[in-house]
Amino acid sequence: MFETKPDIARRAEIETLVNSFYDRIRTDEVLGFIFTEVAQTNWTEHLPKMYAFWETVLFRTGGFTGNPIATHAKLVPLTAMGRAQFDHWLMLFRSTVDDLFAGEKAEHIKNCAADMANVIYSRINQVPDPRFDPATLTPEQRERYARYQPSSP
């Protein structure tokens, strides 16, 4: 029989997602040591922050405060924080969502995670956001983008 997965509808599902995701992270060969040894994550503090973060992302009600970019930037001198690590993090996140949930909010949280990973990666490594490739802009996007460019003297 085909089992229908629920969508993410409230904080309880966010907590399930976050707990399942970080259970995978802690034992992951690529990322586990970054959290346990390098960042020395205090899970009692970290998990409620992540519940609030994702609740804020999905429902605008989580009351998250913090600076994820600064938090991740502190790790750059201590360990690799490159494209491979962010892509792996995103793969684990997406697969955790897909294992547990299906629906509009599940798709939205995966898209938000991709955006977040790209922004944090680009900012802490001081490289262009990989989502923005001028070669792929439509004529309308080029025109709109040109309006935001500072004019030359």
N, C-alpha and C. Protein backbone atom coordinates (compact mmCIF):
# COMPACT_ATOMS: atom_id res chain seq x y z
N MET A 1 0.84 -1.18 0.00
CA MET A 1 0.00 0.00 0.00
C MET A 1 0.88 1.25 0.00
N PHE A 2 0.46 2.26 -0.70
CA PHE A 2 1.21 3.51 -0.82
C PHE A 2 0.98 4.38 0.41
N GLU A 3 2.05 4.80 1.05
CA GLU A 3 1.95 5.65 2.24
C GLU A 3 2.17 7.11 1.85
N THR A 4 1.24 7.96 2.23
CA THR A 4 1.37 9.38 1.96
C THR A 4 2.10 10.03 3.12
N LYS A 5 3.12 10.79 2.80
CA LYS A 5 3.87 11.50 3.83
C LYS A 5 3.18 12.82 4.13
N PRO A 6 3.24 13.25 5.38
CA PRO A 6 2.63 14.53 5.71
C PRO A 6 3.51 15.69 5.23
N ASP A 7 2.91 16.85 5.12
CA ASP A 7 3.68 18.06 4.87
C ASP A 7 4.11 18.62 6.22
N ILE A 8 4.93 19.61 6.19
CA ILE A 8 5.36 20.29 7.42
C ILE A 8 4.29 21.34 7.73
N ALA A 9 3.55 21.12 8.83
CA ALA A 9 2.41 21.98 9.11
C ALA A 9 2.58 22.83 10.36
N ARG A 10 3.49 22.44 11.24
CA ARG A 10 3.65 23.18 12.50
C ARG A 10 5.02 22.88 13.10
N ARG A 11 5.27 23.48 14.23
CA ARG A 11 6.58 23.35 14.88
C ARG A 11 6.94 21.89 15.17
N ALA A 12 5.98 21.07 15.51
CA ALA A 12 6.28 19.66 15.83
C ALA A 12 6.99 18.98 14.66
N GLU A 13 6.55 19.23 13.44
CA GLU A 13 7.22 18.63 12.28
C GLU A 13 8.60 19.22 12.06
N ILE A 14 8.74 20.51 12.34
CA ILE A 14 10.07 21.13 12.23
C ILE A 14 11.03 20.49 13.22
N GLU A 15 10.57 20.26 14.43
CA GLU A 15 11.43 19.60 15.43
C GLU A 15 11.81 18.20 14.99
N THR A 16 10.86 17.46 14.43
CA THR A 16 11.17 16.13 13.91
C THR A 16 12.22 16.21 12.81
N LEU A 17 12.05 17.14 11.88
CA LEU A 17 13.00 17.32 10.79
C LEU A 17 14.38 17.69 11.33
N VAL A 18 14.45 18.68 12.18
CA VAL A 18 15.74 19.15 12.70
C VAL A 18 16.43 18.03 13.49
N ASN A 19 15.70 17.35 14.35
CA ASN A 19 16.31 16.26 15.13
C ASN A 19 16.83 15.15 14.23
N SER A 20 16.04 14.77 13.24
CA SER A 20 16.46 13.70 12.31
C SER A 20 17.68 14.13 11.50
N PHE A 21 17.65 15.37 11.03
CA PHE A 21 18.76 15.90 10.24
C PHE A 21 20.05 15.92 11.05
N TYR A 22 20.01 16.45 12.24
CA TYR A 22 21.24 16.53 13.03
C TYR A 22 21.68 15.17 13.57
N ASP A 23 20.78 14.21 13.70
CA ASP A 23 21.20 12.83 14.00
C ASP A 23 22.08 12.32 12.86
N ARG A 24 21.70 12.64 11.62
CA ARG A 24 22.51 12.24 10.46
C ARG A 24 23.84 13.00 10.44
N ILE A 25 23.78 14.29 10.70
CA ILE A 25 24.99 15.12 10.68
C ILE A 25 26.03 14.58 11.66
N ARG A 26 25.60 14.27 12.87
CA ARG A 26 26.54 13.85 13.93
C ARG A 26 27.34 12.62 13.54
N THR A 27 26.76 11.75 12.73
CA THR A 27 27.47 10.53 12.35
C THR A 27 28.01 10.58 10.92
N ASP A 28 27.85 11.71 10.25
CA ASP A 28 28.28 11.83 8.86
C ASP A 28 29.80 11.95 8.78
N GLU A 29 30.39 11.20 7.84
CA GLU A 29 31.85 11.18 7.68
C GLU A 29 32.41 12.51 7.19
N VAL A 30 31.63 13.26 6.41
CA VAL A 30 32.10 14.52 5.84
C VAL A 30 31.91 15.68 6.81
N LEU A 31 30.77 15.73 7.47
CA LEU A 31 30.42 16.91 8.27
C LEU A 31 30.41 16.69 9.78
N GLY A 32 30.29 15.47 10.22
CA GLY A 32 30.15 15.20 11.66
C GLY A 32 31.22 15.86 12.51
N PHE A 33 32.47 15.72 12.11
CA PHE A 33 33.56 16.26 12.92
C PHE A 33 33.54 17.79 12.99
N ILE A 34 33.00 18.43 11.95
CA ILE A 34 32.91 19.91 11.96
C ILE A 34 32.02 20.34 13.12
N PHE A 35 30.92 19.65 13.30
CA PHE A 35 30.00 19.99 14.37
C PHE A 35 30.51 19.54 15.74
N THR A 36 31.05 18.33 15.81
CA THR A 36 31.43 17.79 17.11
C THR A 36 32.81 18.25 17.59
N GLU A 37 33.79 18.25 16.69
CA GLU A 37 35.15 18.57 17.10
C GLU A 37 35.55 20.02 16.84
N VAL A 38 35.22 20.54 15.67
CA VAL A 38 35.66 21.89 15.31
C VAL A 38 34.79 22.95 15.98
N ALA A 39 33.50 22.90 15.74
CA ALA A 39 32.59 23.89 16.32
C ALA A 39 32.24 23.55 17.77
N GLN A 40 32.43 22.30 18.12
CA GLN A 40 32.08 21.80 19.46
C GLN A 40 30.65 22.23 19.81
N THR A 41 29.74 21.86 18.94
CA THR A 41 28.33 22.24 19.05
C THR A 41 27.73 21.77 20.36
N ASN A 42 27.10 22.71 21.06
CA ASN A 42 26.31 22.39 22.24
C ASN A 42 24.90 22.11 21.72
N TRP A 43 24.55 20.84 21.63
CA TRP A 43 23.29 20.45 20.99
C TRP A 43 22.08 20.94 21.78
N THR A 44 22.21 21.05 23.10
CA THR A 44 21.10 21.55 23.92
C THR A 44 20.75 22.98 23.55
N GLU A 45 21.74 23.77 23.15
CA GLU A 45 21.50 25.15 22.70
C GLU A 45 21.21 25.22 21.20
N HIS A 46 21.92 24.42 20.42
CA HIS A 46 21.83 24.50 18.97
C HIS A 46 20.46 24.07 18.43
N LEU A 47 19.95 22.95 18.91
CA LEU A 47 18.71 22.43 18.35
C LEU A 47 17.53 23.41 18.52
N PRO A 48 17.29 23.98 19.70
CA PRO A 48 16.19 24.96 19.80
C PRO A 48 16.40 26.18 18.89
N LYS A 49 17.64 26.59 18.67
CA LYS A 49 17.90 27.70 17.73
C LYS A 49 17.48 27.29 16.32
N MET A 50 17.77 26.05 15.95
CA MET A 50 17.40 25.58 14.62
C MET A 50 15.89 25.40 14.48
N TYR A 51 15.21 24.96 15.56
CA TYR A 51 13.75 24.90 15.51
C TYR A 51 13.21 26.30 15.22
N ALA A 52 13.71 27.29 15.97
CA ALA A 52 13.24 28.68 15.80
C ALA A 52 13.59 29.20 14.41
N PHE A 53 14.79 28.87 13.92
CA PHE A 53 15.20 29.33 12.60
C PHE A 53 14.24 28.83 11.52
N TRP A 54 14.04 27.52 11.48
CA TRP A 54 13.21 26.95 10.42
C TRP A 54 11.74 27.31 10.60
N GLU A 55 11.28 27.48 11.85
CA GLU A 55 9.91 27.94 12.07
C GLU A 55 9.75 29.36 11.55
N THR A 56 10.77 30.18 11.73
CA THR A 56 10.75 31.54 11.20
C THR A 56 10.75 31.52 9.68
N VAL A 57 11.55 30.66 9.09
CA VAL A 57 11.62 30.55 7.63
C VAL A 57 10.26 30.12 7.05
N LEU A 58 9.66 29.10 7.62
CA LEU A 58 8.43 28.55 7.05
C LEU A 58 7.16 29.31 7.44
N PHE A 59 7.10 29.73 8.71
CA PHE A 59 5.84 30.26 9.22
C PHE A 59 5.94 31.69 9.74
N ARG A 60 7.14 32.25 9.73
CA ARG A 60 7.37 33.62 10.22
C ARG A 60 6.97 33.79 11.69
N THR A 61 7.05 32.69 12.46
CA THR A 61 6.62 32.74 13.86
C THR A 61 7.66 32.25 14.85
N GLY A 62 8.84 31.89 14.39
CA GLY A 62 9.79 31.23 15.26
C GLY A 62 10.59 32.13 16.17
N GLY A 63 10.60 33.42 15.90
CA GLY A 63 11.35 34.33 16.75
C GLY A 63 12.85 34.13 16.71
N PHE A 64 13.37 33.62 15.59
CA PHE A 64 14.81 33.40 15.50
C PHE A 64 15.56 34.72 15.50
N THR A 65 16.61 34.76 16.28
CA THR A 65 17.58 35.85 16.22
C THR A 65 18.96 35.20 16.17
N GLY A 66 19.83 35.81 15.44
CA GLY A 66 21.17 35.25 15.33
C GLY A 66 21.81 35.70 14.04
N ASN A 67 23.07 35.31 13.87
CA ASN A 67 23.82 35.69 12.68
C ASN A 67 24.51 34.44 12.13
N PRO A 68 23.80 33.66 11.30
CA PRO A 68 24.39 32.43 10.77
C PRO A 68 25.67 32.66 9.97
N ILE A 69 25.76 33.78 9.28
CA ILE A 69 26.97 34.03 8.48
C ILE A 69 28.17 34.19 9.40
N ALA A 70 28.05 34.98 10.43
CA ALA A 70 29.16 35.18 11.37
C ALA A 70 29.54 33.87 12.07
N THR A 71 28.52 33.11 12.43
CA THR A 71 28.78 31.82 13.10
C THR A 71 29.58 30.89 12.20
N HIS A 72 29.21 30.80 10.94
CA HIS A 72 29.93 29.94 10.00
C HIS A 72 31.29 30.52 9.64
N ALA A 73 31.39 31.83 9.55
CA ALA A 73 32.66 32.46 9.18
C ALA A 73 33.75 32.16 10.21
N LYS A 74 33.37 32.00 11.46
CA LYS A 74 34.36 31.68 12.51
C LYS A 74 35.04 30.34 12.26
N LEU A 75 34.40 29.48 11.50
CA LEU A 75 34.95 28.14 11.25
C LEU A 75 35.92 28.10 10.08
N VAL A 76 35.88 29.12 9.21
CA VAL A 76 36.70 29.11 8.00
C VAL A 76 38.19 28.91 8.30
N PRO A 77 38.77 29.57 9.30
CA PRO A 77 40.20 29.33 9.55
C PRO A 77 40.49 27.96 10.18
N LEU A 78 39.44 27.28 10.62
CA LEU A 78 39.64 26.03 11.37
C LEU A 78 39.46 24.76 10.56
N THR A 79 38.69 24.85 9.47
CA THR A 79 38.38 23.65 8.68
C THR A 79 37.88 24.06 7.30
N ALA A 80 37.84 23.11 6.41
CA ALA A 80 37.31 23.39 5.07
C ALA A 80 35.82 23.71 5.16
N MET A 81 35.46 24.82 4.55
CA MET A 81 34.05 25.26 4.51
C MET A 81 33.73 25.63 3.06
N GLY A 82 34.09 24.75 2.15
CA GLY A 82 33.96 25.02 0.73
C GLY A 82 32.68 24.50 0.12
N ARG A 83 32.64 24.57 -1.19
CA ARG A 83 31.47 24.14 -1.95
C ARG A 83 31.11 22.69 -1.64
N ALA A 84 32.11 21.82 -1.53
CA ALA A 84 31.83 20.40 -1.29
C ALA A 84 31.10 20.18 0.04
N GLN A 85 31.51 20.91 1.06
CA GLN A 85 30.87 20.76 2.37
C GLN A 85 29.42 21.28 2.33
N PHE A 86 29.22 22.42 1.68
CA PHE A 86 27.87 22.97 1.60
C PHE A 86 26.96 22.11 0.73
N ASP A 87 27.48 21.58 -0.36
CA ASP A 87 26.69 20.69 -1.21
C ASP A 87 26.30 19.42 -0.45
N HIS A 88 27.24 18.90 0.34
CA HIS A 88 26.96 17.69 1.11
C HIS A 88 25.90 17.98 2.19
N TRP A 89 26.05 19.12 2.87
CA TRP A 89 25.06 19.52 3.87
C TRP A 89 23.67 19.58 3.23
N LEU A 90 23.60 20.20 2.05
CA LEU A 90 22.32 20.35 1.37
C LEU A 90 21.75 19.00 0.94
N MET A 91 22.59 18.11 0.47
CA MET A 91 22.13 16.77 0.09
C MET A 91 21.53 16.06 1.31
N LEU A 92 22.20 16.14 2.45
CA LEU A 92 21.67 15.51 3.66
C LEU A 92 20.35 16.15 4.09
N PHE A 93 20.28 17.46 4.01
CA PHE A 93 19.06 18.15 4.40
C PHE A 93 17.89 17.74 3.50
N ARG A 94 18.13 17.80 2.20
CA ARG A 94 17.06 17.44 1.25
C ARG A 94 16.60 15.99 1.45
N SER A 95 17.55 15.09 1.62
CA SER A 95 17.16 13.69 1.77
C SER A 95 16.41 13.46 3.08
N THR A 96 16.75 14.20 4.13
CA THR A 96 16.01 14.09 5.38
C THR A 96 14.58 14.58 5.19
N VAL A 97 14.42 15.72 4.55
CA VAL A 97 13.06 16.23 4.26
C VAL A 97 12.30 15.19 3.45
N ASP A 98 12.90 14.69 2.38
CA ASP A 98 12.21 13.74 1.49
C ASP A 98 11.84 12.44 2.20
N ASP A 99 12.66 12.02 3.15
CA ASP A 99 12.35 10.79 3.89
C ASP A 99 11.15 10.96 4.82
N LEU A 100 10.93 12.18 5.28
CA LEU A 100 9.90 12.42 6.29
C LEU A 100 8.64 13.10 5.79
N PHE A 101 8.77 13.98 4.79
CA PHE A 101 7.67 14.86 4.42
C PHE A 101 7.50 14.96 2.91
N ALA A 102 6.32 15.43 2.52
CA ALA A 102 6.04 15.73 1.11
C ALA A 102 4.98 16.83 1.10
N GLY A 103 5.13 17.74 0.17
CA GLY A 103 4.13 18.79 0.05
C GLY A 103 4.75 20.15 -0.20
N GLU A 104 3.90 21.15 -0.20
CA GLU A 104 4.33 22.51 -0.52
C GLU A 104 5.37 23.04 0.46
N LYS A 105 5.14 22.88 1.75
CA LYS A 105 6.10 23.38 2.75
C LYS A 105 7.40 22.58 2.70
N ALA A 106 7.31 21.30 2.45
CA ALA A 106 8.52 20.47 2.34
C ALA A 106 9.37 20.94 1.17
N GLU A 107 8.73 21.24 0.05
CA GLU A 107 9.48 21.76 -1.10
C GLU A 107 10.06 23.14 -0.79
N HIS A 108 9.27 23.96 -0.13
CA HIS A 108 9.72 25.31 0.20
C HIS A 108 10.93 25.28 1.13
N ILE A 109 10.92 24.42 2.13
CA ILE A 109 12.04 24.39 3.07
C ILE A 109 13.32 23.91 2.38
N LYS A 110 13.18 22.99 1.41
CA LYS A 110 14.37 22.56 0.65
C LYS A 110 14.92 23.70 -0.20
N ASN A 111 14.03 24.48 -0.82
CA ASN A 111 14.48 25.63 -1.60
C ASN A 111 15.13 26.68 -0.72
N CYS A 112 14.54 26.92 0.44
CA CYS A 112 15.14 27.89 1.38
C CYS A 112 16.50 27.41 1.87
N ALA A 113 16.64 26.12 2.10
CA ALA A 113 17.92 25.57 2.53
C ALA A 113 18.98 25.76 1.45
N ALA A 114 18.60 25.57 0.20
CA ALA A 114 19.54 25.78 -0.91
C ALA A 114 19.97 27.24 -0.97
N ASP A 115 19.01 28.14 -0.85
CA ASP A 115 19.33 29.57 -0.85
C ASP A 115 20.27 29.92 0.30
N MET A 116 19.94 29.43 1.48
CA MET A 116 20.75 29.70 2.67
C MET A 116 22.18 29.16 2.49
N ALA A 117 22.30 27.94 2.01
CA ALA A 117 23.62 27.34 1.81
C ALA A 117 24.43 28.17 0.82
N ASN A 118 23.81 28.61 -0.25
CA ASN A 118 24.53 29.41 -1.25
C ASN A 118 24.95 30.77 -0.70
N VAL A 119 24.08 31.41 0.04
CA VAL A 119 24.42 32.72 0.60
C VAL A 119 25.55 32.59 1.62
N ILE A 120 25.42 31.65 2.53
CA ILE A 120 26.47 31.50 3.56
C ILE A 120 27.78 31.11 2.91
N TYR A 121 27.75 30.15 2.00
CA TYR A 121 28.97 29.73 1.30
C TYR A 121 29.65 30.92 0.62
N SER A 122 28.88 31.69 -0.14
CA SER A 122 29.49 32.79 -0.89
C SER A 122 30.02 33.88 0.03
N ARG A 123 29.30 34.18 1.09
CA ARG A 123 29.73 35.25 1.99
C ARG A 123 30.98 34.87 2.78
N ILE A 124 31.00 33.67 3.35
CA ILE A 124 32.14 33.31 4.20
C ILE A 124 33.39 33.02 3.38
N ASN A 125 33.21 32.65 2.12
CA ASN A 125 34.36 32.38 1.26
C ASN A 125 34.68 33.55 0.33
N GLN A 126 33.89 34.61 0.45
CA GLN A 126 34.08 35.84 -0.32
C GLN A 126 34.18 35.55 -1.82
N VAL A 127 33.18 34.79 -2.30
CA VAL A 127 33.07 34.47 -3.72
C VAL A 127 31.66 34.85 -4.18
N PRO A 128 31.46 35.04 -5.49
CA PRO A 128 30.12 35.37 -5.97
C PRO A 128 29.12 34.27 -5.63
N ASP A 129 27.90 34.67 -5.38
CA ASP A 129 26.83 33.72 -5.11
C ASP A 129 26.70 32.82 -6.33
N PRO A 130 26.83 31.49 -6.16
CA PRO A 130 26.81 30.58 -7.31
C PRO A 130 25.48 30.53 -8.04
N ARG A 131 24.42 31.06 -7.46
CA ARG A 131 23.12 31.07 -8.13
C ARG A 131 23.06 32.14 -9.21
N PHE A 132 23.95 33.12 -9.16
CA PHE A 132 23.89 34.23 -10.09
C PHE A 132 24.92 34.07 -11.18
N ASP A 133 24.47 33.78 -12.36
CA ASP A 133 25.34 33.65 -13.52
C ASP A 133 24.79 34.61 -14.58
N PRO A 134 25.48 35.74 -14.81
CA PRO A 134 24.98 36.73 -15.77
C PRO A 134 24.70 36.14 -17.15
N ALA A 135 25.39 35.07 -17.51
CA ALA A 135 25.19 34.48 -18.84
C ALA A 135 23.81 33.86 -18.99
N THR A 136 23.13 33.57 -17.88
CA THR A 136 21.83 32.91 -17.97
C THR A 136 20.66 33.87 -17.81
N LEU A 137 20.92 35.17 -17.72
CA LEU A 137 19.84 36.12 -17.55
C LEU A 137 19.02 36.27 -18.83
N THR A 138 17.72 36.41 -18.64
CA THR A 138 16.84 36.70 -19.78
C THR A 138 17.02 38.18 -20.14
N PRO A 139 16.58 38.60 -21.32
CA PRO A 139 16.66 40.03 -21.67
C PRO A 139 15.97 40.92 -20.63
N GLU A 140 14.82 40.47 -20.11
CA GLU A 140 14.12 41.25 -19.09
C GLU A 140 14.93 41.35 -17.81
N GLN A 141 15.56 40.25 -17.41
CA GLN A 141 16.39 40.27 -16.21
C GLN A 141 17.61 41.17 -16.42
N ARG A 142 18.21 41.12 -17.61
CA ARG A 142 19.35 41.99 -17.90
C ARG A 142 18.96 43.47 -17.77
N GLU A 143 17.80 43.81 -18.31
CA GLU A 143 17.33 45.20 -18.24
C GLU A 143 17.11 45.62 -16.78
N ARG A 144 16.45 44.74 -16.01
CA ARG A 144 16.19 45.04 -14.61
C ARG A 144 17.49 45.16 -13.83
N TYR A 145 18.42 44.26 -14.07
CA TYR A 145 19.71 44.27 -13.39
C TYR A 145 20.49 45.54 -13.73
N ALA A 146 20.44 45.95 -14.98
CA ALA A 146 21.16 47.15 -15.42
C ALA A 146 20.68 48.38 -14.66
N ARG A 147 19.40 48.43 -14.32
CA ARG A 147 18.85 49.57 -13.57
C ARG A 147 19.44 49.67 -12.17
N TYR A 148 19.91 48.53 -11.62
CA TYR A 148 20.44 48.52 -10.26
C TYR A 148 21.96 48.72 -10.22
N GLN A 149 22.58 48.74 -11.36
CA GLN A 149 24.03 48.92 -11.42
C GLN A 149 24.38 50.39 -11.23
N PRO A 150 25.41 50.67 -10.44
CA PRO A 150 25.80 52.07 -10.30
C PRO A 150 26.28 52.62 -11.65
N SER A 151 25.91 53.84 -11.93
CA SER A 151 26.35 54.44 -13.20
C SER A 151 27.80 54.89 -13.07
N SER A 152 28.54 54.76 -14.15
CA SER A 152 29.95 55.18 -14.14
C SER A 152 30.04 56.69 -14.26
N PRO A 153 31.08 57.28 -13.65
CA PRO A 153 31.23 58.73 -13.74
C PRO A 153 31.61 59.19 -15.13
